[in-house]
Amino acid sequence: MTTPTKNYGLTKPDVGGSENEWGGLLNGDLDEIDALLGGDSPINGINIESGTIDGSTIEGTIDGVVLGPDNEISGKVGTLTGDDSSTISGCDITAKKLGVQESITEAQHYLSTADETVNPTNGTMQYHPGIDPAQKFTISLLTGQAVTLAFYWADANNPPAITWNVPAGTAIQWVGGGSPDVNQGINIVQFWCMNFGAGPVVCGAYTGVVS
């Protein structure tokens, strides 16, 4: 009496039985194995612990996959889907076209201490609720980064003496002339960093006071 294997139903000839049937049964099993390895039949429920899949196209859905810091996906990925808690972090993404169905929500960072570093890694929208007359802002941007800084000044009769500082090796240039003449209210300054061929330059543009 023959019995099938658990996953693919390959025929196991009966030890001591299946007289004159072994050859045909084994040939049928080998054909089925050949179809599985050759891609003619689907391989279901496979568990790959290690190794490399190279030069092949994987189509369909891969569920429950966890990628660690040493894992790498090369080639084209058609669609990545997940629930609302799914995240992709620490990735450099290069694309010809980026389609956003809803909106890109950016983090807003609140500055709080006396002397602050405006770093876009904390969020590209940053707000300081109140500054002192000797406030120092350090604008720490890399080439290609930008940030919007909003800060509140309360005293219209005492303009602050803000120091706009940039890291060593980076120049700062103001659109339309010198540093902004801060006014009472919430002041908005745009910063972006570019390289014009002689090193990184932080460009600043004072857009005025929120009315």
C-alpha atoms as a PDB file:
ATOM      1  CA  MET A   1       0.000   0.000   0.000  1.00  0.00           C
ATOM      2  CA  THR A   2       1.456   3.398  -0.966  1.00  0.00           C
ATOM      3  CA  THR A   3       1.202   6.547   1.168  1.00  0.00           C
ATOM      4  CA  PRO A   4       1.573  10.208   0.097  1.00  0.00           C
ATOM      5  CA  THR A   5       3.975  12.786   1.504  1.00  0.00           C
ATOM      6  CA  LYS A   6       2.516  15.539   3.687  1.00  0.00           C
ATOM      7  CA  ASN A   7       2.981  18.681   1.596  1.00  0.00           C
ATOM      8  CA  TYR A   8       3.013  17.749  -2.093  1.00  0.00           C
ATOM      9  CA  GLY A   9       1.441  14.299  -2.127  1.00  0.00           C
ATOM     10  CA  LEU A  10       4.489  12.519  -3.552  1.00  0.00           C
ATOM     11  CA  THR A  11       4.022   8.776  -3.560  1.00  0.00           C
ATOM     12  CA  LYS A  12       6.027   6.702  -1.107  1.00  0.00           C
ATOM     13  CA  PRO A  13       6.231   3.097  -2.314  1.00  0.00           C
ATOM     14  CA  ASP A  14       5.513   0.546   0.357  1.00  0.00           C
ATOM     15  CA  VAL A  15       8.661  -1.068   1.763  1.00  0.00           C
ATOM     16  CA  GLY A  16       8.327  -4.744   1.004  1.00  0.00           C
ATOM     17  CA  GLY A  17       5.341  -4.091  -1.219  1.00  0.00           C
ATOM     18  CA  SER A  18       4.401  -2.219  -4.396  1.00  0.00           C
ATOM     19  CA  GLU A  19       6.046  -4.988  -6.372  1.00  0.00           C
ATOM     20  CA  ASN A  20       6.917  -3.954  -9.925  1.00  0.00           C
ATOM     21  CA  GLU A  21       5.572  -0.451  -9.177  1.00  0.00           C
ATOM     22  CA  TRP A  22       8.645   1.208  -7.663  1.00  0.00           C
ATOM     23  CA  GLY A  23      10.064   2.451 -10.944  1.00  0.00           C
ATOM     24  CA  GLY A  24       6.872   4.096 -12.096  1.00  0.00           C
ATOM     25  CA  LEU A  25       6.119   5.626  -8.702  1.00  0.00           C
ATOM     26  CA  LEU A  26       9.620   7.062  -8.268  1.00  0.00           C
ATOM     27  CA  ASN A  27       9.642   8.387 -11.838  1.00  0.00           C
ATOM     28  CA  GLY A  28       6.376  10.182 -11.144  1.00  0.00           C
ATOM     29  CA  ASP A  29       7.792  11.654  -7.939  1.00  0.00           C
ATOM     30  CA  LEU A  30      10.938  12.820  -9.737  1.00  0.00           C
ATOM     31  CA  ASP A  31       8.831  14.502 -12.425  1.00  0.00           C
ATOM     32  CA  GLU A  32       6.870  16.330  -9.721  1.00  0.00           C
ATOM     33  CA  ILE A  33      10.066  17.414  -7.941  1.00  0.00           C
ATOM     34  CA  ASP A  34      11.489  18.584 -11.260  1.00  0.00           C
ATOM     35  CA  ALA A  35       8.331  20.648 -11.868  1.00  0.00           C
ATOM     36  CA  LEU A  36       8.596  22.232  -8.419  1.00  0.00           C
ATOM     37  CA  LEU A  37      12.270  23.131  -8.825  1.00  0.00           C
ATOM     38  CA  GLY A  38      11.813  24.256 -12.425  1.00  0.00           C
ATOM     39  CA  GLY A  39       8.918  26.601 -11.696  1.00  0.00           C
ATOM     40  CA  ASP A  40       6.242  24.587 -13.522  1.00  0.00           C
ATOM     41  CA  SER A  41       4.433  23.928 -10.225  1.00  0.00           C
ATOM     42  CA  PRO A  42       4.054  26.362  -7.284  1.00  0.00           C
ATOM     43  CA  ILE A  43       6.116  25.841  -4.120  1.00  0.00           C
ATOM     44  CA  ASN A  44       3.807  26.522  -1.201  1.00  0.00           C
ATOM     45  CA  GLY A  45       4.711  27.389   2.394  1.00  0.00           C
ATOM     46  CA  ILE A  46       8.459  27.531   1.805  1.00  0.00           C
ATOM     47  CA  ASN A  47      10.630  28.711   4.713  1.00  0.00           C
ATOM     48  CA  ILE A  48      13.984  30.163   3.645  1.00  0.00           C
ATOM     49  CA  GLU A  49      16.306  30.529   6.641  1.00  0.00           C
ATOM     50  CA  SER A  50      19.376  31.720   4.705  1.00  0.00           C
ATOM     51  CA  GLY A  51      20.846  31.910   1.249  1.00  0.00           C
ATOM     52  CA  THR A  52      20.421  34.079  -1.829  1.00  0.00           C
ATOM     53  CA  ILE A  53      17.731  34.383  -4.490  1.00  0.00           C
ATOM     54  CA  ASP A  54      19.504  35.895  -7.465  1.00  0.00           C
ATOM     55  CA  GLY A  55      18.375  36.817 -10.946  1.00  0.00           C
ATOM     56  CA  SER A  56      14.774  35.774 -10.424  1.00  0.00           C
ATOM     57  CA  THR A  57      11.440  37.565 -10.408  1.00  0.00           C
ATOM     58  CA  ILE A  58       9.235  36.974  -7.380  1.00  0.00           C
ATOM     59  CA  GLU A  59       5.573  37.669  -8.023  1.00  0.00           C
ATOM     60  CA  GLY A  60       2.676  37.564  -5.625  1.00  0.00           C
ATOM     61  CA  THR A  61       2.349  38.361  -1.930  1.00  0.00           C
ATOM     62  CA  ILE A  62       4.928  37.762   0.773  1.00  0.00           C
ATOM     63  CA  ASP A  63       3.269  37.977   4.185  1.00  0.00           C
ATOM     64  CA  GLY A  64       4.906  38.360   7.580  1.00  0.00           C
ATOM     65  CA  VAL A  65       8.356  39.256   6.255  1.00  0.00           C
ATOM     66  CA  VAL A  66      10.690  41.003   8.696  1.00  0.00           C
ATOM     67  CA  LEU A  67      13.799  42.650   7.262  1.00  0.00           C
ATOM     68  CA  GLY A  68      16.733  43.277   9.551  1.00  0.00           C
ATOM     69  CA  PRO A  69      19.565  45.806   9.201  1.00  0.00           C
ATOM     70  CA  ASP A  70      21.715  43.307   7.289  1.00  0.00           C
ATOM     71  CA  ASN A  71      19.001  42.337   4.787  1.00  0.00           C
ATOM     72  CA  GLU A  72      18.993  43.764   1.294  1.00  0.00           C
ATOM     73  CA  ILE A  73      16.379  43.839  -1.448  1.00  0.00           C
ATOM     74  CA  SER A  74      17.706  44.543  -4.915  1.00  0.00           C
ATOM     75  CA  GLY A  75      15.649  44.843  -8.048  1.00  0.00           C
ATOM     76  CA  LYS A  76      12.114  46.145  -8.373  1.00  0.00           C
ATOM     77  CA  VAL A  77       9.416  45.977  -5.718  1.00  0.00           C
ATOM     78  CA  GLY A  78       5.957  46.449  -7.187  1.00  0.00           C
ATOM     79  CA  THR A  79       3.854  47.378  -4.160  1.00  0.00           C
ATOM     80  CA  LEU A  80       4.492  47.609  -0.431  1.00  0.00           C
ATOM     81  CA  THR A  81       1.372  47.571   1.716  1.00  0.00           C
ATOM     82  CA  GLY A  82       0.766  47.574   5.444  1.00  0.00           C
ATOM     83  CA  ASP A  83      -1.541  48.785   8.159  1.00  0.00           C
ATOM     84  CA  ASP A  84      -1.579  52.305   9.630  1.00  0.00           C
ATOM     85  CA  SER A  85       1.206  51.415  12.069  1.00  0.00           C
ATOM     86  CA  SER A  86       3.645  50.242   9.408  1.00  0.00           C
ATOM     87  CA  THR A  87       6.860  52.212   9.061  1.00  0.00           C
ATOM     88  CA  ILE A  88       9.823  52.328   6.716  1.00  0.00           C
ATOM     89  CA  SER A  89      12.781  54.026   8.366  1.00  0.00           C
ATOM     90  CA  GLY A  90      16.434  54.576   7.636  1.00  0.00           C
ATOM     91  CA  CYS A  91      15.991  54.208   3.875  1.00  0.00           C
ATOM     92  CA  ASP A  92      17.302  56.169   0.934  1.00  0.00           C
ATOM     93  CA  ILE A  93      14.556  56.099  -1.698  1.00  0.00           C
ATOM     94  CA  THR A  94      15.257  57.110  -5.276  1.00  0.00           C
ATOM     95  CA  ALA A  95      12.260  57.354  -7.565  1.00  0.00           C
ATOM     96  CA  LYS A  96      11.298  58.932 -10.855  1.00  0.00           C
ATOM     97  CA  LYS A  97       7.783  59.623  -9.685  1.00  0.00           C
ATOM     98  CA  LEU A  98       6.282  59.773  -6.207  1.00  0.00           C
ATOM     99  CA  GLY A  99       2.521  59.601  -5.969  1.00  0.00           C
ATOM    100  CA  VAL A 100       0.860  60.607  -2.704  1.00  0.00           C
ATOM    101  CA  GLN A 101      -2.810  59.741  -2.362  1.00  0.00           C
ATOM    102  CA  GLU A 102      -3.441  61.938   0.676  1.00  0.00           C
ATOM    103  CA  SER A 103      -0.848  64.298   2.158  1.00  0.00           C
ATOM    104  CA  ILE A 104       2.661  64.135   3.543  1.00  0.00           C
ATOM    105  CA  THR A 105       2.503  64.944   7.256  1.00  0.00           C
ATOM    106  CA  GLU A 106       5.693  66.490   8.586  1.00  0.00           C
ATOM    107  CA  ALA A 107       6.771  66.693  12.200  1.00  0.00           C
ATOM    108  CA  GLN A 108       6.747  70.072  13.947  1.00  0.00           C
ATOM    109  CA  HIS A 109       9.552  70.548  16.446  1.00  0.00           C
ATOM    110  CA  TYR A 110       9.310  72.913  19.419  1.00  0.00           C
ATOM    111  CA  LEU A 111      12.514  74.688  20.403  1.00  0.00           C
ATOM    112  CA  SER A 112      12.713  75.488  24.088  1.00  0.00           C
ATOM    113  CA  THR A 113      16.191  76.305  25.432  1.00  0.00           C
ATOM    114  CA  ALA A 114      18.009  79.634  25.267  1.00  0.00           C
ATOM    115  CA  ASP A 115      20.478  78.768  22.490  1.00  0.00           C
ATOM    116  CA  GLU A 116      19.059  76.433  19.870  1.00  0.00           C
ATOM    117  CA  THR A 117      20.258  74.353  16.937  1.00  0.00           C
ATOM    118  CA  VAL A 118      17.776  74.304  14.073  1.00  0.00           C
ATOM    119  CA  ASN A 119      18.299  70.824  12.651  1.00  0.00           C
ATOM    120  CA  PRO A 120      15.844  69.478  10.038  1.00  0.00           C
ATOM    121  CA  THR A 121      16.270  65.934  11.351  1.00  0.00           C
ATOM    122  CA  ASN A 122      13.913  67.036  14.168  1.00  0.00           C
ATOM    123  CA  GLY A 123      11.320  68.162  11.622  1.00  0.00           C
ATOM    124  CA  THR A 124      11.271  70.740   8.857  1.00  0.00           C
ATOM    125  CA  MET A 125       8.822  72.991  10.719  1.00  0.00           C
ATOM    126  CA  GLN A 126      10.270  74.414  13.934  1.00  0.00           C
ATOM    127  CA  TYR A 127       8.865  76.910  16.412  1.00  0.00           C
ATOM    128  CA  HIS A 128      10.418  78.841  19.282  1.00  0.00           C
ATOM    129  CA  PRO A 129       7.735  80.319  21.572  1.00  0.00           C
ATOM    130  CA  GLY A 130       9.864  83.223  22.814  1.00  0.00           C
ATOM    131  CA  ILE A 131      13.374  84.560  22.364  1.00  0.00           C
ATOM    132  CA  ASP A 132      15.624  86.762  24.464  1.00  0.00           C
ATOM    133  CA  PRO A 133      17.530  89.818  23.148  1.00  0.00           C
ATOM    134  CA  ALA A 134      20.771  87.796  22.877  1.00  0.00           C
ATOM    135  CA  GLN A 135      19.303  84.741  21.210  1.00  0.00           C
ATOM    136  CA  LYS A 136      21.609  82.556  19.131  1.00  0.00           C
ATOM    137  CA  PHE A 137      20.248  80.198  16.477  1.00  0.00           C
ATOM    138  CA  THR A 138      22.589  77.635  14.915  1.00  0.00           C
ATOM    139  CA  ILE A 139      21.322  76.568  11.483  1.00  0.00           C
ATOM    140  CA  SER A 140      22.613  73.026  10.910  1.00  0.00           C
ATOM    141  CA  LEU A 141      21.662  72.022   7.368  1.00  0.00           C
ATOM    142  CA  LEU A 142      23.265  69.706   4.840  1.00  0.00           C
ATOM    143  CA  THR A 143      23.169  70.365   1.106  1.00  0.00           C
ATOM    144  CA  GLY A 144      19.632  69.771  -0.162  1.00  0.00           C
ATOM    145  CA  GLN A 145      17.935  70.220   3.221  1.00  0.00           C
ATOM    146  CA  ALA A 146      15.476  72.964   4.135  1.00  0.00           C
ATOM    147  CA  VAL A 147      13.616  74.084   7.233  1.00  0.00           C
ATOM    148  CA  THR A 148      11.009  76.673   8.197  1.00  0.00           C
ATOM    149  CA  LEU A 149      11.722  78.492  11.474  1.00  0.00           C
ATOM    150  CA  ALA A 150       8.997  80.393  13.311  1.00  0.00           C
ATOM    151  CA  PHE A 151       9.709  82.308  16.521  1.00  0.00           C
ATOM    152  CA  TYR A 152       7.820  84.739  18.692  1.00  0.00           C
ATOM    153  CA  TRP A 153       9.047  88.191  19.734  1.00  0.00           C
ATOM    154  CA  ALA A 154       6.932  90.190  22.175  1.00  0.00           C
ATOM    155  CA  ASP A 155       8.519  93.631  22.603  1.00  0.00           C
ATOM    156  CA  ALA A 156       8.114  95.960  19.625  1.00  0.00           C
ATOM    157  CA  ASN A 157      10.370  98.601  21.255  1.00  0.00           C
ATOM    158  CA  ASN A 158      13.311  96.306  21.906  1.00  0.00           C
ATOM    159  CA  PRO A 159      14.428  94.449  18.783  1.00  0.00           C
ATOM    160  CA  PRO A 160      16.442  91.290  19.610  1.00  0.00           C
ATOM    161  CA  ALA A 161      20.120  90.875  18.827  1.00  0.00           C
ATOM    162  CA  ILE A 162      19.906  87.454  17.202  1.00  0.00           C
ATOM    163  CA  THR A 163      23.092  85.673  16.186  1.00  0.00           C
ATOM    164  CA  TRP A 164      22.615  83.470  13.136  1.00  0.00           C
ATOM    165  CA  ASN A 165      25.294  80.797  13.305  1.00  0.00           C
ATOM    166  CA  VAL A 166      26.189  78.058  10.814  1.00  0.00           C
ATOM    167  CA  PRO A 167      28.651  75.159  11.220  1.00  0.00           C
ATOM    168  CA  ALA A 168      32.282  75.608  10.215  1.00  0.00           C
ATOM    169  CA  GLY A 169      32.818  75.326   6.487  1.00  0.00           C
ATOM    170  CA  THR A 170      29.308  76.569   5.705  1.00  0.00           C
ATOM    171  CA  ALA A 171      28.517  80.114   4.577  1.00  0.00           C
ATOM    172  CA  ILE A 172      25.246  81.929   5.221  1.00  0.00           C
ATOM    173  CA  GLN A 173      23.658  84.341   2.751  1.00  0.00           C
ATOM    174  CA  TRP A 174      20.451  86.333   3.132  1.00  0.00           C
ATOM    175  CA  VAL A 175      18.055  86.838   0.265  1.00  0.00           C
ATOM    176  CA  GLY A 176      17.570  90.570  -0.242  1.00  0.00           C
ATOM    177  CA  GLY A 177      20.429  91.692   1.978  1.00  0.00           C
ATOM    178  CA  GLY A 178      21.338  91.399   5.644  1.00  0.00           C
ATOM    179  CA  SER A 179      19.744  89.411   8.417  1.00  0.00           C
ATOM    180  CA  PRO A 180      16.025  89.999   9.062  1.00  0.00           C
ATOM    181  CA  ASP A 181      14.705  92.964  11.030  1.00  0.00           C
ATOM    182  CA  VAL A 182      12.633  91.015  13.566  1.00  0.00           C
ATOM    183  CA  ASN A 183       9.239  92.472  14.418  1.00  0.00           C
ATOM    184  CA  GLN A 184       6.699  91.943  17.161  1.00  0.00           C
ATOM    185  CA  GLY A 185       4.713  88.743  16.668  1.00  0.00           C
ATOM    186  CA  ILE A 186       5.477  85.398  15.086  1.00  0.00           C
ATOM    187  CA  ASN A 187       8.347  85.821  12.643  1.00  0.00           C
ATOM    188  CA  ILE A 188       8.896  83.313   9.827  1.00  0.00           C
ATOM    189  CA  VAL A 189      12.274  82.577   8.235  1.00  0.00           C
ATOM    190  CA  GLN A 190      12.938  80.028   5.510  1.00  0.00           C
ATOM    191  CA  PHE A 191      16.341  78.326   5.347  1.00  0.00           C
ATOM    192  CA  TRP A 192      17.735  76.013   2.699  1.00  0.00           C
ATOM    193  CA  CYS A 193      21.227  74.728   1.945  1.00  0.00           C
ATOM    194  CA  MET A 194      22.777  74.587  -1.512  1.00  0.00           C
ATOM    195  CA  ASN A 195      26.228  74.139  -3.002  1.00  0.00           C
ATOM    196  CA  PHE A 196      27.103  76.693  -5.670  1.00  0.00           C
ATOM    197  CA  GLY A 197      30.450  75.044  -6.410  1.00  0.00           C
ATOM    198  CA  ALA A 198      32.490  76.420  -3.513  1.00  0.00           C
ATOM    199  CA  GLY A 199      30.977  74.511  -0.622  1.00  0.00           C
ATOM    200  CA  PRO A 200      27.616  74.478   1.175  1.00  0.00           C
ATOM    201  CA  VAL A 201      25.752  77.767   1.587  1.00  0.00           C
ATOM    202  CA  VAL A 202      22.787  78.261   3.899  1.00  0.00           C
ATOM    203  CA  CYS A 203      20.351  80.693   2.278  1.00  0.00           C
ATOM    204  CA  GLY A 204      17.872  82.539   4.467  1.00  0.00           C
ATOM    205  CA  ALA A 205      14.743  84.427   3.480  1.00  0.00           C
ATOM    206  CA  TYR A 206      12.688  86.457   5.956  1.00  0.00           C
ATOM    207  CA  THR A 207       9.047  86.139   5.003  1.00  0.00           C
ATOM    208  CA  GLY A 208       7.653  88.498   7.620  1.00  0.00           C
ATOM    209  CA  VAL A 209       5.278  88.277  10.548  1.00  0.00           C
ATOM    210  CA  VAL A 210       2.160  86.153  10.773  1.00  0.00           C
ATOM    211  CA  SER A 211      -0.849  88.482  10.822  1.00  0.00           C
END
